[in-house]
Structures are given as structure tokens and as C-alpha cells.
Amino acid sequence: MPPSIQRPDAVTVPDSVEAFLTTTVLVAAFTTLRPDGTPHVAPVRFTFDAAACLARVMTVATSRKARNLLAAPGGRVALCQVDGFRWVTLEGTAEVVADPARVERGARLYARRYWSAAPTPPGRVVIEIAVDRVLSLNT
């Protein structure tokens, strides 16, 4: 079965994809672009709000992924969760957010998904990804 591709102007998230992204507790590969254009891939925990098409990654402002996005505001990213031969990739534009209320919301959603509090290092931020494309296989 070929991957399904949703066009940016018509993002819909099938129930099976939403379940895979919200109930299957796995890490994902998060890809950003360094200032020189080369990809940076890091394993991350994340949350996904299908109704808002918004994914969130907790991190610190000094992390490579955050610095990549701060160097190119509105940059495109990809977040891919894999389980055997099932996978979902979320693509979209990302923003590094330091607003305390939004960081706290990200932390609450993280705690709900991963059954433990998000780390609280100095400089904690949330990366918010406005998902405009969903690709999947076997979900």
C-alpha cells in the first residue's frame, strides 16, 4: 500500500492515524534544517492535537532543533513516528514558543501522554508545529 498524502489545503487526520499518534507511546524522529541547509534529526517525545492539527515538542531554547528554527522562523519540519511497518509523518511549519502559558500547556499534554511530568530545565520552550501535511502507511 503506498503512503497516503494529504494536501496542505485539506488536512484531515483519519481516526486510525490520530490513535496511532496519541495512544501509541513512542518517540519520533524530528527533522529540522541547520542554517547551512543540512538536516538535523533528533529523537523526541511529542503530543498531537488532531482537531487543531498542532504537534508540540518540549525542549530548551539552546537545543540544536530550537536554534535551527530560531535561525529560520517559520521553517518547515517533519516529525515521524514509526512502529514496525506502521508510520506517520507530520509536516508543517514550526515556531519556538517561550510564552509561559503555552509552555505549561505543552507540559500538561506531555504529562498526560507519557504518564510523567515533562523535564523542567532552565530555558524550557515548546516547539509548536502547525501540521499541513500528513503521510502514513499501515495505520
N, C-alpha and C. Protein backbone atom coordinates (compact mmCIF):
# COMPACT_ATOMS: atom_id res chain seq x y z
N MET A 1 0.85 -1.17 0.00
CA MET A 1 0.00 0.00 0.00
C MET A 1 0.89 1.24 0.00
N PRO A 2 0.73 2.16 -0.96
CA PRO A 2 1.56 3.37 -0.98
C PRO A 2 1.15 4.32 0.15
N PRO A 3 2.08 5.20 0.55
CA PRO A 3 1.73 6.17 1.59
C PRO A 3 0.59 7.05 1.14
N SER A 4 -0.26 7.45 2.08
CA SER A 4 -1.32 8.40 1.75
C SER A 4 -0.78 9.80 1.99
N ILE A 5 -1.12 10.71 1.11
CA ILE A 5 -0.63 12.09 1.24
C ILE A 5 -1.83 13.01 1.30
N GLN A 6 -1.85 13.85 2.31
CA GLN A 6 -2.89 14.85 2.44
C GLN A 6 -2.31 16.18 1.96
N ARG A 7 -3.04 16.87 1.13
CA ARG A 7 -2.61 18.17 0.61
C ARG A 7 -2.74 19.24 1.69
N PRO A 8 -1.84 20.24 1.68
CA PRO A 8 -1.88 21.28 2.71
C PRO A 8 -3.21 21.99 2.84
N ASP A 9 -3.98 22.09 1.75
CA ASP A 9 -5.24 22.83 1.83
C ASP A 9 -6.40 21.96 2.32
N ALA A 10 -6.15 20.70 2.59
CA ALA A 10 -7.23 19.81 3.01
C ALA A 10 -6.71 18.77 3.99
N VAL A 11 -6.13 19.22 5.08
CA VAL A 11 -5.58 18.28 6.05
C VAL A 11 -6.71 17.64 6.84
N THR A 12 -6.79 16.35 6.72
CA THR A 12 -7.71 15.58 7.55
C THR A 12 -6.87 14.49 8.19
N VAL A 13 -7.24 14.16 9.39
CA VAL A 13 -6.50 13.14 10.12
C VAL A 13 -7.45 11.98 10.40
N PRO A 14 -7.27 10.85 9.70
CA PRO A 14 -8.14 9.70 9.95
C PRO A 14 -8.04 9.25 11.41
N ASP A 15 -9.12 8.67 11.91
CA ASP A 15 -9.15 8.20 13.30
C ASP A 15 -8.00 7.25 13.60
N SER A 16 -7.65 6.38 12.65
CA SER A 16 -6.58 5.42 12.89
C SER A 16 -5.23 6.12 13.04
N VAL A 17 -5.01 7.19 12.29
CA VAL A 17 -3.77 7.96 12.40
C VAL A 17 -3.74 8.70 13.73
N GLU A 18 -4.87 9.32 14.10
CA GLU A 18 -4.93 10.01 15.38
C GLU A 18 -4.66 9.06 16.53
N ALA A 19 -5.23 7.87 16.49
CA ALA A 19 -5.00 6.88 17.55
C ALA A 19 -3.53 6.49 17.60
N PHE A 20 -2.92 6.28 16.45
CA PHE A 20 -1.50 5.91 16.41
C PHE A 20 -0.63 7.01 17.01
N LEU A 21 -0.98 8.26 16.78
CA LEU A 21 -0.19 9.39 17.27
C LEU A 21 -0.49 9.79 18.71
N THR A 22 -1.59 9.32 19.25
CA THR A 22 -1.96 9.77 20.59
C THR A 22 -2.01 8.65 21.62
N THR A 23 -2.19 7.42 21.19
CA THR A 23 -2.27 6.33 22.16
C THR A 23 -1.06 5.42 22.12
N THR A 24 -0.37 5.34 21.01
CA THR A 24 0.84 4.55 20.92
C THR A 24 1.97 5.42 21.45
N VAL A 25 2.56 5.01 22.57
CA VAL A 25 3.56 5.84 23.24
C VAL A 25 4.95 5.48 22.73
N LEU A 26 5.39 6.25 21.76
CA LEU A 26 6.69 6.04 21.14
C LEU A 26 7.41 7.38 21.01
N VAL A 27 8.69 7.32 20.72
CA VAL A 27 9.40 8.53 20.36
C VAL A 27 9.28 8.70 18.84
N ALA A 28 9.62 9.88 18.39
CA ALA A 28 9.57 10.17 16.96
C ALA A 28 10.89 10.79 16.53
N ALA A 29 11.15 10.74 15.25
CA ALA A 29 12.31 11.43 14.68
C ALA A 29 11.83 12.81 14.24
N PHE A 30 12.49 13.84 14.74
CA PHE A 30 12.12 15.22 14.46
C PHE A 30 13.21 15.83 13.60
N THR A 31 12.85 16.29 12.41
CA THR A 31 13.82 16.83 11.46
C THR A 31 13.63 18.33 11.28
N THR A 32 14.73 19.05 11.49
CA THR A 32 14.80 20.49 11.21
C THR A 32 15.98 20.69 10.27
N LEU A 33 16.12 21.90 9.76
CA LEU A 33 17.27 22.20 8.89
C LEU A 33 18.21 23.14 9.61
N ARG A 34 19.48 22.78 9.59
CA ARG A 34 20.52 23.65 10.14
C ARG A 34 20.65 24.89 9.25
N PRO A 35 21.28 25.95 9.75
CA PRO A 35 21.47 27.15 8.93
C PRO A 35 22.19 26.88 7.60
N ASP A 36 23.03 25.83 7.55
CA ASP A 36 23.71 25.53 6.28
C ASP A 36 22.86 24.67 5.35
N GLY A 37 21.61 24.36 5.77
CA GLY A 37 20.70 23.60 4.92
C GLY A 37 20.73 22.10 5.12
N THR A 38 21.64 21.59 5.93
CA THR A 38 21.70 20.15 6.16
C THR A 38 20.67 19.75 7.22
N PRO A 39 20.14 18.53 7.10
CA PRO A 39 19.12 18.11 8.06
C PRO A 39 19.71 17.75 9.42
N HIS A 40 18.96 18.06 10.45
CA HIS A 40 19.28 17.65 11.82
C HIS A 40 18.10 16.80 12.28
N VAL A 41 18.37 15.56 12.67
CA VAL A 41 17.32 14.65 13.10
C VAL A 41 17.58 14.27 14.55
N ALA A 42 16.54 14.41 15.38
CA ALA A 42 16.68 14.11 16.81
C ALA A 42 15.47 13.30 17.28
N PRO A 43 15.71 12.34 18.16
CA PRO A 43 14.57 11.62 18.74
C PRO A 43 13.87 12.52 19.76
N VAL A 44 12.54 12.57 19.72
CA VAL A 44 11.78 13.41 20.63
C VAL A 44 10.51 12.69 21.06
N ARG A 45 9.99 13.14 22.20
CA ARG A 45 8.64 12.81 22.60
C ARG A 45 7.80 14.01 22.17
N PHE A 46 6.53 13.77 21.85
CA PHE A 46 5.69 14.86 21.34
C PHE A 46 4.24 14.58 21.67
N THR A 47 3.42 15.61 21.49
CA THR A 47 1.98 15.44 21.58
C THR A 47 1.36 15.94 20.29
N PHE A 48 0.15 15.45 20.02
CA PHE A 48 -0.53 15.85 18.80
C PHE A 48 -2.00 16.12 19.10
N ASP A 49 -2.47 17.27 18.65
CA ASP A 49 -3.86 17.68 18.76
C ASP A 49 -4.44 17.64 17.35
N ALA A 50 -5.18 16.57 17.04
CA ALA A 50 -5.69 16.38 15.68
C ALA A 50 -6.70 17.46 15.29
N ALA A 51 -7.53 17.87 16.24
CA ALA A 51 -8.54 18.88 15.92
C ALA A 51 -7.90 20.19 15.49
N ALA A 52 -6.81 20.57 16.13
CA ALA A 52 -6.12 21.81 15.80
C ALA A 52 -4.99 21.60 14.79
N CYS A 53 -4.71 20.34 14.44
CA CYS A 53 -3.56 19.99 13.59
C CYS A 53 -2.29 20.64 14.14
N LEU A 54 -2.06 20.44 15.43
CA LEU A 54 -0.92 21.04 16.10
C LEU A 54 -0.14 19.98 16.87
N ALA A 55 1.14 19.87 16.58
CA ALA A 55 2.02 18.98 17.33
C ALA A 55 2.92 19.84 18.21
N ARG A 56 3.32 19.29 19.35
CA ARG A 56 4.17 20.03 20.28
C ARG A 56 5.34 19.17 20.71
N VAL A 57 6.52 19.80 20.79
CA VAL A 57 7.74 19.15 21.27
C VAL A 57 8.32 20.03 22.36
N MET A 58 8.53 19.46 23.54
CA MET A 58 9.16 20.18 24.64
C MET A 58 10.67 20.10 24.47
N THR A 59 11.36 21.22 24.71
CA THR A 59 12.81 21.25 24.59
C THR A 59 13.33 22.49 25.33
N VAL A 60 14.58 22.83 25.10
CA VAL A 60 15.15 24.06 25.65
C VAL A 60 15.59 24.94 24.48
N ALA A 61 15.62 26.24 24.72
CA ALA A 61 15.94 27.20 23.66
C ALA A 61 17.34 27.00 23.10
N THR A 62 18.24 26.41 23.87
CA THR A 62 19.62 26.22 23.41
C THR A 62 19.82 24.91 22.65
N SER A 63 18.77 24.09 22.51
CA SER A 63 18.93 22.83 21.76
C SER A 63 19.16 23.13 20.29
N ARG A 64 19.79 22.20 19.61
CA ARG A 64 20.06 22.38 18.17
C ARG A 64 18.75 22.57 17.40
N LYS A 65 17.73 21.78 17.71
CA LYS A 65 16.46 21.89 16.98
C LYS A 65 15.83 23.27 17.17
N ALA A 66 15.85 23.79 18.39
CA ALA A 66 15.29 25.13 18.63
C ALA A 66 16.13 26.19 17.94
N ARG A 67 17.45 26.08 18.04
CA ARG A 67 18.31 27.08 17.38
C ARG A 67 18.13 27.07 15.87
N ASN A 68 17.92 25.88 15.28
CA ASN A 68 17.66 25.82 13.84
C ASN A 68 16.42 26.61 13.48
N LEU A 69 15.36 26.45 14.28
CA LEU A 69 14.11 27.15 14.00
C LEU A 69 14.19 28.64 14.30
N LEU A 70 14.93 28.99 15.33
CA LEU A 70 15.11 30.42 15.65
C LEU A 70 15.91 31.13 14.55
N ALA A 71 16.79 30.40 13.88
CA ALA A 71 17.58 30.98 12.80
C ALA A 71 16.76 31.16 11.52
N ALA A 72 15.67 30.42 11.41
CA ALA A 72 14.81 30.49 10.21
C ALA A 72 13.35 30.40 10.66
N PRO A 73 12.83 31.48 11.23
CA PRO A 73 11.44 31.45 11.73
C PRO A 73 10.45 30.96 10.67
N GLY A 74 9.51 30.13 11.11
CA GLY A 74 8.52 29.59 10.19
C GLY A 74 9.05 28.46 9.33
N GLY A 75 10.22 27.92 9.70
CA GLY A 75 10.82 26.84 8.91
C GLY A 75 9.98 25.58 8.90
N ARG A 76 10.15 24.81 7.85
CA ARG A 76 9.43 23.54 7.72
C ARG A 76 10.16 22.45 8.49
N VAL A 77 9.36 21.56 9.06
CA VAL A 77 9.89 20.45 9.84
C VAL A 77 9.10 19.19 9.51
N ALA A 78 9.64 18.06 9.96
CA ALA A 78 8.93 16.79 9.84
C ALA A 78 9.10 16.04 11.15
N LEU A 79 8.04 15.38 11.56
CA LEU A 79 8.00 14.59 12.78
C LEU A 79 7.47 13.23 12.37
N CYS A 80 8.28 12.17 12.55
CA CYS A 80 7.90 10.84 12.06
C CYS A 80 7.92 9.83 13.20
N GLN A 81 6.76 9.22 13.44
CA GLN A 81 6.64 8.16 14.44
C GLN A 81 6.52 6.83 13.71
N VAL A 82 7.35 5.86 14.13
CA VAL A 82 7.42 4.57 13.46
C VAL A 82 7.20 3.45 14.46
N ASP A 83 6.44 2.45 14.05
CA ASP A 83 6.26 1.24 14.85
C ASP A 83 6.24 0.08 13.87
N GLY A 84 7.39 -0.58 13.70
CA GLY A 84 7.49 -1.65 12.72
C GLY A 84 7.25 -1.12 11.33
N PHE A 85 6.24 -1.67 10.65
CA PHE A 85 5.92 -1.22 9.30
C PHE A 85 4.76 -0.23 9.28
N ARG A 86 4.44 0.33 10.45
CA ARG A 86 3.44 1.39 10.53
C ARG A 86 4.18 2.69 10.82
N TRP A 87 3.80 3.74 10.12
CA TRP A 87 4.41 5.04 10.41
C TRP A 87 3.48 6.17 10.01
N VAL A 88 3.71 7.30 10.67
CA VAL A 88 3.02 8.54 10.32
C VAL A 88 4.06 9.65 10.35
N THR A 89 4.06 10.48 9.33
CA THR A 89 4.90 11.67 9.30
C THR A 89 3.99 12.88 9.27
N LEU A 90 4.27 13.82 10.17
CA LEU A 90 3.58 15.10 10.21
C LEU A 90 4.54 16.14 9.69
N GLU A 91 4.12 16.93 8.72
CA GLU A 91 4.94 18.02 8.20
C GLU A 91 4.23 19.34 8.43
N GLY A 92 5.00 20.39 8.59
CA GLY A 92 4.41 21.70 8.76
C GLY A 92 5.45 22.74 9.10
N THR A 93 4.95 23.92 9.47
CA THR A 93 5.83 25.00 9.89
C THR A 93 5.90 25.01 11.41
N ALA A 94 7.05 25.40 11.92
CA ALA A 94 7.27 25.32 13.36
C ALA A 94 7.67 26.67 13.93
N GLU A 95 7.32 26.82 15.21
CA GLU A 95 7.63 28.04 15.95
C GLU A 95 8.14 27.65 17.33
N VAL A 96 9.21 28.30 17.76
CA VAL A 96 9.72 28.12 19.12
C VAL A 96 8.99 29.11 20.01
N VAL A 97 8.31 28.59 21.03
CA VAL A 97 7.45 29.42 21.88
C VAL A 97 7.97 29.41 23.32
N ALA A 98 8.19 30.60 23.87
CA ALA A 98 8.64 30.73 25.25
C ALA A 98 7.53 31.24 26.17
N ASP A 99 6.38 31.60 25.62
CA ASP A 99 5.26 32.10 26.42
C ASP A 99 4.93 31.09 27.52
N PRO A 100 4.98 31.51 28.80
CA PRO A 100 4.79 30.56 29.90
C PRO A 100 3.48 29.77 29.84
N ALA A 101 2.40 30.39 29.43
CA ALA A 101 1.12 29.67 29.37
C ALA A 101 1.15 28.58 28.31
N ARG A 102 1.75 28.86 27.16
CA ARG A 102 1.82 27.85 26.10
C ARG A 102 2.82 26.75 26.44
N VAL A 103 3.91 27.12 27.11
CA VAL A 103 4.88 26.10 27.54
C VAL A 103 4.21 25.19 28.57
N GLU A 104 3.47 25.77 29.50
CA GLU A 104 2.78 24.97 30.52
C GLU A 104 1.74 24.05 29.89
N ARG A 105 1.01 24.55 28.89
CA ARG A 105 0.04 23.69 28.19
C ARG A 105 0.76 22.52 27.54
N GLY A 106 1.88 22.80 26.87
CA GLY A 106 2.66 21.72 26.26
C GLY A 106 3.11 20.70 27.29
N ALA A 107 3.53 21.18 28.46
CA ALA A 107 3.99 20.29 29.53
C ALA A 107 2.84 19.44 30.07
N ARG A 108 1.65 20.02 30.21
CA ARG A 108 0.48 19.25 30.69
C ARG A 108 0.11 18.15 29.71
N LEU A 109 0.12 18.48 28.41
CA LEU A 109 -0.22 17.48 27.40
C LEU A 109 0.84 16.38 27.36
N TYR A 110 2.09 16.75 27.51
CA TYR A 110 3.19 15.79 27.57
C TYR A 110 2.97 14.83 28.74
N ALA A 111 2.68 15.37 29.91
CA ALA A 111 2.48 14.54 31.11
C ALA A 111 1.31 13.58 30.92
N ARG A 112 0.27 14.03 30.28
CA ARG A 112 -0.89 13.17 30.02
C ARG A 112 -0.52 12.01 29.09
N ARG A 113 0.24 12.31 28.06
CA ARG A 113 0.59 11.26 27.09
C ARG A 113 1.63 10.29 27.64
N TYR A 114 2.64 10.82 28.32
CA TYR A 114 3.76 9.97 28.74
C TYR A 114 3.71 9.56 30.21
N TRP A 115 2.64 9.88 30.90
CA TRP A 115 2.41 9.46 32.29
C TRP A 115 3.50 9.92 33.24
N SER A 116 4.19 10.97 32.88
CA SER A 116 5.19 11.56 33.79
C SER A 116 5.37 13.03 33.39
N ALA A 117 5.81 13.81 34.35
CA ALA A 117 6.00 15.23 34.09
C ALA A 117 7.11 15.45 33.07
N ALA A 118 6.93 16.48 32.27
CA ALA A 118 7.98 16.86 31.33
C ALA A 118 9.16 17.42 32.13
N PRO A 119 10.37 17.23 31.66
CA PRO A 119 11.52 17.82 32.34
C PRO A 119 11.35 19.34 32.45
N THR A 120 11.96 19.93 33.46
CA THR A 120 11.83 21.37 33.68
C THR A 120 13.20 22.06 33.74
N PRO A 121 14.01 21.89 32.71
CA PRO A 121 15.31 22.54 32.73
C PRO A 121 15.17 24.05 32.51
N PRO A 122 16.18 24.81 32.90
CA PRO A 122 16.16 26.25 32.61
C PRO A 122 16.08 26.46 31.10
N GLY A 123 15.32 27.46 30.69
CA GLY A 123 15.21 27.77 29.26
C GLY A 123 14.23 26.89 28.52
N ARG A 124 13.33 26.21 29.25
CA ARG A 124 12.37 25.32 28.60
C ARG A 124 11.45 26.11 27.68
N VAL A 125 11.20 25.57 26.49
CA VAL A 125 10.31 26.14 25.49
C VAL A 125 9.48 25.00 24.91
N VAL A 126 8.50 25.36 24.13
CA VAL A 126 7.75 24.36 23.38
C VAL A 126 7.86 24.73 21.90
N ILE A 127 8.11 23.72 21.10
CA ILE A 127 8.07 23.92 19.64
C ILE A 127 6.67 23.51 19.20
N GLU A 128 5.96 24.44 18.59
CA GLU A 128 4.61 24.18 18.09
C GLU A 128 4.68 24.03 16.58
N ILE A 129 4.13 22.94 16.10
CA ILE A 129 4.18 22.62 14.67
C ILE A 129 2.76 22.68 14.11
N ALA A 130 2.54 23.62 13.20
CA ALA A 130 1.25 23.74 12.52
C ALA A 130 1.27 22.73 11.37
N VAL A 131 0.64 21.59 11.59
CA VAL A 131 0.70 20.49 10.63
C VAL A 131 -0.16 20.80 9.42
N ASP A 132 0.46 20.70 8.23
CA ASP A 132 -0.28 20.95 7.00
C ASP A 132 -0.19 19.77 6.02
N ARG A 133 0.50 18.73 6.43
CA ARG A 133 0.59 17.52 5.59
C ARG A 133 0.75 16.31 6.50
N VAL A 134 0.00 15.26 6.20
CA VAL A 134 0.08 14.01 6.95
C VAL A 134 0.33 12.89 5.96
N LEU A 135 1.40 12.15 6.18
CA LEU A 135 1.70 10.98 5.36
C LEU A 135 1.67 9.77 6.28
N SER A 136 1.17 8.64 5.79
CA SER A 136 1.11 7.46 6.66
C SER A 136 1.14 6.18 5.85
N LEU A 137 1.49 5.11 6.55
CA LEU A 137 1.49 3.79 5.95
C LEU A 137 1.04 2.79 7.01
N ASN A 138 0.08 1.96 6.67
CA ASN A 138 -0.40 0.87 7.53
C ASN A 138 -0.97 1.34 8.86
N THR A 139 -1.55 2.52 8.90
CA THR A 139 -2.19 2.98 10.13
C THR A 139 -3.69 3.09 9.92
